[in-house]
Amino acid sequence: MEKMEKQSCIKIAVIGAESTGKTELCEALAKHYQAALVPEFARIYFQKADINNYQIEDLEKIAKEQIQLEQAANESGKKIIICDTNLITIKIWAELEFNACPNSILQSMQQGKPDFYLITANDLPWQKDPLRQNKFSRDLIFERNIEEIKAQNKSYAIVKGANTARLQSALIGINTFLNQNQGL
């Protein structure tokens, strides 16, 4: 795996298919580590826009805003940033929905990459939400996430279990990463 470059903070991205507990996990992790929390901008965006009638340009706007939220968190002075999603998610979304990913997203993915990823397993039941579409297999999205992270040569852990077991799984993954890369 690629060694971390020295930087002001450690960026951890939590990615996975819909309804796999990412947001709840991110909130718990941010609290545990007293970290900055970067919300998933797509949720904010689609509270005002029509989730059933969007274009690839909407994904470009979402990616741009997601990056801005990450940059703001980077300036928070916190040692750790927990990101509730990442551009990998938007890339996979674009490819599945539109059979292409805009160059702007691909180029942005090359900068500001997370240091570590948590991928949420599909072991929680899918729950209905007005902002979820459930168009694609959660297993397909899980596998695509792994492929993308491996292509970036980044470290990751798969998070499993429900409730506190899921949080403990994430903490073990993060702490192992931190110990191997920071001497903490």
C-alpha atoms as a PDB file:
ATOM      1  CA  MET A   1       0.000   0.000   0.000  1.00  0.00           C
ATOM      2  CA  GLU A   2       1.037   3.581  -0.649  1.00  0.00           C
ATOM      3  CA  LYS A   3       2.633   5.232   2.379  1.00  0.00           C
ATOM      4  CA  MET A   4       0.930   8.345   3.681  1.00  0.00           C
ATOM      5  CA  GLU A   5       2.508  11.667   2.928  1.00  0.00           C
ATOM      6  CA  LYS A   6       3.052  13.952   5.881  1.00  0.00           C
ATOM      7  CA  GLN A   7       0.121  16.322   6.072  1.00  0.00           C
ATOM      8  CA  SER A   8      -1.769  18.383   8.568  1.00  0.00           C
ATOM      9  CA  CYS A   9      -4.566  15.843   9.030  1.00  0.00           C
ATOM     10  CA  ILE A  10      -5.574  12.290   8.216  1.00  0.00           C
ATOM     11  CA  LYS A  11      -8.512  11.890   5.845  1.00  0.00           C
ATOM     12  CA  ILE A  12     -10.671   8.798   6.240  1.00  0.00           C
ATOM     13  CA  ALA A  13     -13.492   8.170   3.752  1.00  0.00           C
ATOM     14  CA  VAL A  14     -16.420   5.906   4.502  1.00  0.00           C
ATOM     15  CA  ILE A  15     -17.929   4.481   1.332  1.00  0.00           C
ATOM     16  CA  GLY A  16     -20.363   1.731   0.452  1.00  0.00           C
ATOM     17  CA  ALA A  17     -23.701   1.002  -1.117  1.00  0.00           C
ATOM     18  CA  GLU A  18     -26.951   2.676  -0.129  1.00  0.00           C
ATOM     19  CA  SER A  19     -28.364   1.930   3.297  1.00  0.00           C
ATOM     20  CA  THR A  20     -25.242   0.397   4.804  1.00  0.00           C
ATOM     21  CA  GLY A  21     -25.021   2.694   7.819  1.00  0.00           C
ATOM     22  CA  LYS A  22     -22.394   5.115   6.513  1.00  0.00           C
ATOM     23  CA  THR A  23     -23.809   8.339   7.937  1.00  0.00           C
ATOM     24  CA  GLU A  24     -24.478   6.931  11.401  1.00  0.00           C
ATOM     25  CA  LEU A  25     -21.019   5.356  11.419  1.00  0.00           C
ATOM     26  CA  CYS A  26     -19.356   8.611  10.343  1.00  0.00           C
ATOM     27  CA  GLU A  27     -21.093  10.528  13.106  1.00  0.00           C
ATOM     28  CA  ALA A  28     -19.961   7.990  15.712  1.00  0.00           C
ATOM     29  CA  LEU A  29     -16.389   7.985  14.378  1.00  0.00           C
ATOM     30  CA  ALA A  30     -16.201  11.778  14.351  1.00  0.00           C
ATOM     31  CA  LYS A  31     -17.371  11.842  17.950  1.00  0.00           C
ATOM     32  CA  HIS A  32     -14.942   9.087  19.003  1.00  0.00           C
ATOM     33  CA  TYR A  33     -11.892  10.707  17.386  1.00  0.00           C
ATOM     34  CA  GLN A  34     -13.055  14.305  17.953  1.00  0.00           C
ATOM     35  CA  ALA A  35     -12.663  14.609  14.197  1.00  0.00           C
ATOM     36  CA  ALA A  36     -14.065  16.961  11.600  1.00  0.00           C
ATOM     37  CA  LEU A  37     -17.072  15.436   9.847  1.00  0.00           C
ATOM     38  CA  VAL A  38     -17.651  15.977   6.132  1.00  0.00           C
ATOM     39  CA  PRO A  39     -21.290  15.266   5.245  1.00  0.00           C
ATOM     40  CA  GLU A  40     -22.421  13.638   2.015  1.00  0.00           C
ATOM     41  CA  PHE A  41     -23.242  16.621  -0.197  1.00  0.00           C
ATOM     42  CA  ALA A  42     -25.486  14.564  -2.498  1.00  0.00           C
ATOM     43  CA  ARG A  43     -28.019  14.275   0.342  1.00  0.00           C
ATOM     44  CA  ILE A  44     -27.996  18.045   0.807  1.00  0.00           C
ATOM     45  CA  TYR A  45     -28.264  18.611  -2.945  1.00  0.00           C
ATOM     46  CA  PHE A  46     -31.178  16.257  -3.499  1.00  0.00           C
ATOM     47  CA  GLN A  47     -33.194  17.692  -0.652  1.00  0.00           C
ATOM     48  CA  LYS A  48     -33.713  20.632  -3.039  1.00  0.00           C
ATOM     49  CA  ALA A  49     -33.365  18.945  -6.457  1.00  0.00           C
ATOM     50  CA  ASP A  50     -35.357  16.164  -8.109  1.00  0.00           C
ATOM     51  CA  ILE A  51     -33.595  12.870  -7.450  1.00  0.00           C
ATOM     52  CA  ASN A  52     -35.678  11.237 -10.174  1.00  0.00           C
ATOM     53  CA  ASN A  53     -34.676  13.707 -12.875  1.00  0.00           C
ATOM     54  CA  TYR A  54     -30.984  14.533 -12.685  1.00  0.00           C
ATOM     55  CA  GLN A  55     -28.238  14.751 -15.286  1.00  0.00           C
ATOM     56  CA  ILE A  56     -24.526  14.046 -15.260  1.00  0.00           C
ATOM     57  CA  GLU A  57     -23.950  17.773 -14.747  1.00  0.00           C
ATOM     58  CA  ASP A  58     -25.642  17.432 -11.367  1.00  0.00           C
ATOM     59  CA  LEU A  59     -23.027  14.872 -10.373  1.00  0.00           C
ATOM     60  CA  GLU A  60     -20.290  17.310 -11.387  1.00  0.00           C
ATOM     61  CA  LYS A  61     -21.862  19.967  -9.124  1.00  0.00           C
ATOM     62  CA  ILE A  62     -22.115  17.457  -6.284  1.00  0.00           C
ATOM     63  CA  ALA A  63     -18.455  16.448  -6.717  1.00  0.00           C
ATOM     64  CA  LYS A  64     -17.329  20.083  -6.692  1.00  0.00           C
ATOM     65  CA  GLU A  65     -19.255  20.811  -3.494  1.00  0.00           C
ATOM     66  CA  GLN A  66     -18.033  17.581  -1.868  1.00  0.00           C
ATOM     67  CA  ILE A  67     -14.456  18.708  -2.518  1.00  0.00           C
ATOM     68  CA  GLN A  68     -15.181  22.134  -1.018  1.00  0.00           C
ATOM     69  CA  LEU A  69     -16.615  20.532   2.119  1.00  0.00           C
ATOM     70  CA  GLU A  70     -13.470  18.395   2.438  1.00  0.00           C
ATOM     71  CA  GLN A  71     -11.238  21.444   1.983  1.00  0.00           C
ATOM     72  CA  ALA A  72     -13.122  23.333   4.671  1.00  0.00           C
ATOM     73  CA  ALA A  73     -12.743  20.375   7.047  1.00  0.00           C
ATOM     74  CA  ASN A  74      -9.028  20.250   6.244  1.00  0.00           C
ATOM     75  CA  GLU A  75      -8.748  23.811   7.547  1.00  0.00           C
ATOM     76  CA  SER A  76     -10.621  22.975  10.771  1.00  0.00           C
ATOM     77  CA  GLY A  77      -7.455  22.247  12.700  1.00  0.00           C
ATOM     78  CA  LYS A  78      -8.666  18.748  13.551  1.00  0.00           C
ATOM     79  CA  LYS A  79      -6.164  15.900  13.334  1.00  0.00           C
ATOM     80  CA  ILE A  80      -8.629  13.548  11.608  1.00  0.00           C
ATOM     81  CA  ILE A  81     -11.300  14.156   8.987  1.00  0.00           C
ATOM     82  CA  ILE A  82     -14.121  11.642   8.551  1.00  0.00           C
ATOM     83  CA  CYS A  83     -15.771  11.881   5.118  1.00  0.00           C
ATOM     84  CA  ASP A  84     -19.265  10.497   4.639  1.00  0.00           C
ATOM     85  CA  THR A  85     -18.583   9.455   1.025  1.00  0.00           C
ATOM     86  CA  ASN A  86     -15.923  10.331  -1.492  1.00  0.00           C
ATOM     87  CA  LEU A  87     -15.452  10.974  -5.206  1.00  0.00           C
ATOM     88  CA  ILE A  88     -15.150   7.215  -5.760  1.00  0.00           C
ATOM     89  CA  THR A  89     -18.854   7.024  -4.966  1.00  0.00           C
ATOM     90  CA  ILE A  90     -19.660   9.741  -7.492  1.00  0.00           C
ATOM     91  CA  LYS A  91     -17.453   8.104 -10.139  1.00  0.00           C
ATOM     92  CA  ILE A  92     -19.180   4.745  -9.726  1.00  0.00           C
ATOM     93  CA  TRP A  93     -22.575   6.463  -9.692  1.00  0.00           C
ATOM     94  CA  ALA A  94     -21.794   8.299 -12.951  1.00  0.00           C
ATOM     95  CA  GLU A  95     -20.513   5.157 -14.635  1.00  0.00           C
ATOM     96  CA  LEU A  96     -23.520   3.077 -13.613  1.00  0.00           C
ATOM     97  CA  GLU A  97     -26.115   5.743 -14.368  1.00  0.00           C
ATOM     98  CA  PHE A  98     -24.594   7.422 -17.454  1.00  0.00           C
ATOM     99  CA  ASN A  99     -21.977   4.893 -18.668  1.00  0.00           C
ATOM    100  CA  ALA A 100     -19.299   7.587 -18.304  1.00  0.00           C
ATOM    101  CA  CYS A 101     -17.603   9.706 -15.684  1.00  0.00           C
ATOM    102  CA  PRO A 102     -16.813  13.370 -16.408  1.00  0.00           C
ATOM    103  CA  ASN A 103     -13.135  14.245 -16.709  1.00  0.00           C
ATOM    104  CA  SER A 104     -13.567  16.908 -14.027  1.00  0.00           C
ATOM    105  CA  ILE A 105     -14.403  14.200 -11.494  1.00  0.00           C
ATOM    106  CA  LEU A 106     -11.613  11.884 -12.671  1.00  0.00           C
ATOM    107  CA  GLN A 107      -9.078  14.723 -12.441  1.00  0.00           C
ATOM    108  CA  SER A 108     -10.306  15.766  -8.992  1.00  0.00           C
ATOM    109  CA  MET A 109      -9.942  12.184  -7.775  1.00  0.00           C
ATOM    110  CA  GLN A 110      -6.196  12.461  -8.303  1.00  0.00           C
ATOM    111  CA  GLN A 111      -5.892  15.212  -5.693  1.00  0.00           C
ATOM    112  CA  GLY A 112      -6.772  15.126  -2.038  1.00  0.00           C
ATOM    113  CA  LYS A 113      -7.210  11.367  -1.890  1.00  0.00           C
ATOM    114  CA  PRO A 114      -8.160   9.922   1.463  1.00  0.00           C
ATOM    115  CA  ASP A 115      -5.408   8.252   3.424  1.00  0.00           C
ATOM    116  CA  PHE A 116      -7.647   5.369   4.410  1.00  0.00           C
ATOM    117  CA  TYR A 117     -11.015   3.965   3.399  1.00  0.00           C
ATOM    118  CA  LEU A 118     -13.705   2.119   5.273  1.00  0.00           C
ATOM    119  CA  ILE A 119     -16.070   0.155   3.054  1.00  0.00           C
ATOM    120  CA  THR A 120     -19.368  -0.706   4.677  1.00  0.00           C
ATOM    121  CA  ALA A 121     -20.482  -4.273   4.019  1.00  0.00           C
ATOM    122  CA  ASN A 122     -23.992  -5.022   2.796  1.00  0.00           C
ATOM    123  CA  ASP A 123     -24.912  -6.889   5.966  1.00  0.00           C
ATOM    124  CA  LEU A 124     -27.549  -4.385   7.094  1.00  0.00           C
ATOM    125  CA  PRO A 125     -31.048  -4.554   5.608  1.00  0.00           C
ATOM    126  CA  TRP A 126     -31.915  -1.942   3.007  1.00  0.00           C
ATOM    127  CA  GLN A 127     -34.185   0.754   4.412  1.00  0.00           C
ATOM    128  CA  LYS A 128     -36.472   2.958   2.377  1.00  0.00           C
ATOM    129  CA  ASP A 129     -35.549   6.639   2.219  1.00  0.00           C
ATOM    130  CA  PRO A 130     -36.844   9.287  -0.228  1.00  0.00           C
ATOM    131  CA  LEU A 131     -33.250   9.978  -1.319  1.00  0.00           C
ATOM    132  CA  ARG A 132     -32.427   6.342  -2.079  1.00  0.00           C
ATOM    133  CA  GLN A 133     -33.138   4.776  -5.434  1.00  0.00           C
ATOM    134  CA  ASN A 134     -31.741   1.243  -5.027  1.00  0.00           C
ATOM    135  CA  LYS A 135     -31.240   0.978  -8.800  1.00  0.00           C
ATOM    136  CA  PHE A 136     -28.109  -1.154  -8.699  1.00  0.00           C
ATOM    137  CA  SER A 137     -27.058  -4.231  -6.787  1.00  0.00           C
ATOM    138  CA  ARG A 138     -25.430  -3.369  -3.485  1.00  0.00           C
ATOM    139  CA  ASP A 139     -23.000  -6.239  -4.091  1.00  0.00           C
ATOM    140  CA  LEU A 140     -21.975  -4.686  -7.423  1.00  0.00           C
ATOM    141  CA  ILE A 141     -21.340  -1.344  -5.740  1.00  0.00           C
ATOM    142  CA  PHE A 142     -19.394  -3.015  -2.915  1.00  0.00           C
ATOM    143  CA  GLU A 143     -17.119  -4.776  -5.435  1.00  0.00           C
ATOM    144  CA  ARG A 144     -16.674  -1.599  -7.495  1.00  0.00           C
ATOM    145  CA  ASN A 145     -15.584   0.280  -4.368  1.00  0.00           C
ATOM    146  CA  ILE A 146     -12.914  -2.312  -3.653  1.00  0.00           C
ATOM    147  CA  GLU A 147     -11.687  -2.175  -7.268  1.00  0.00           C
ATOM    148  CA  GLU A 148     -11.410   1.626  -7.176  1.00  0.00           C
ATOM    149  CA  ILE A 149      -9.486   1.658  -3.894  1.00  0.00           C
ATOM    150  CA  LYS A 150      -7.109  -1.030  -5.112  1.00  0.00           C
ATOM    151  CA  ALA A 151      -6.539   1.004  -8.292  1.00  0.00           C
ATOM    152  CA  GLN A 152      -5.503   3.920  -6.060  1.00  0.00           C
ATOM    153  CA  ASN A 153      -3.223   1.602  -4.076  1.00  0.00           C
ATOM    154  CA  LYS A 154      -4.744   2.812  -0.822  1.00  0.00           C
ATOM    155  CA  SER A 155      -5.370   0.982   2.437  1.00  0.00           C
ATOM    156  CA  TYR A 156      -8.878   0.014   3.446  1.00  0.00           C
ATOM    157  CA  ALA A 157     -10.902  -2.084   5.851  1.00  0.00           C
ATOM    158  CA  ILE A 158     -14.303  -3.653   5.418  1.00  0.00           C
ATOM    159  CA  VAL A 159     -16.749  -2.751   8.170  1.00  0.00           C
ATOM    160  CA  LYS A 160     -19.239  -5.414   9.257  1.00  0.00           C
ATOM    161  CA  GLY A 161     -21.806  -5.946  11.960  1.00  0.00           C
ATOM    162  CA  ALA A 162     -24.684  -3.944  13.338  1.00  0.00           C
ATOM    163  CA  ASN A 163     -24.766  -1.119  15.858  1.00  0.00           C
ATOM    164  CA  THR A 164     -21.798  -1.186  18.267  1.00  0.00           C
ATOM    165  CA  ALA A 165     -20.249  -4.172  16.454  1.00  0.00           C
ATOM    166  CA  ARG A 166     -20.112  -2.080  13.269  1.00  0.00           C
ATOM    167  CA  LEU A 167     -18.490   0.815  15.121  1.00  0.00           C
ATOM    168  CA  GLN A 168     -15.978  -1.556  16.750  1.00  0.00           C
ATOM    169  CA  SER A 169     -15.145  -3.037  13.341  1.00  0.00           C
ATOM    170  CA  ALA A 170     -14.463   0.470  12.018  1.00  0.00           C
ATOM    171  CA  LEU A 171     -12.385   1.440  15.054  1.00  0.00           C
ATOM    172  CA  ILE A 172     -10.224  -1.668  14.682  1.00  0.00           C
ATOM    173  CA  GLY A 173      -9.625  -0.857  11.008  1.00  0.00           C
ATOM    174  CA  ILE A 174      -8.768   2.792  11.657  1.00  0.00           C
ATOM    175  CA  ASN A 175      -6.605   2.113  14.707  1.00  0.00           C
ATOM    176  CA  THR A 176      -4.660  -0.569  12.856  1.00  0.00           C
ATOM    177  CA  PHE A 177      -4.063   1.881  10.017  1.00  0.00           C
ATOM    178  CA  LEU A 178      -3.031   4.679  12.381  1.00  0.00           C
ATOM    179  CA  ASN A 179      -0.643   2.398  14.283  1.00  0.00           C
ATOM    180  CA  GLN A 180       0.978   1.183  11.069  1.00  0.00           C
ATOM    181  CA  ASN A 181       1.308   4.651   9.553  1.00  0.00           C
ATOM    182  CA  GLN A 182       1.648   7.115  12.410  1.00  0.00           C
ATOM    183  CA  GLY A 183       3.196   5.200  15.257  1.00  0.00           C
ATOM    184  CA  LEU A 184       0.159   6.071  17.379  1.00  0.00           C
END
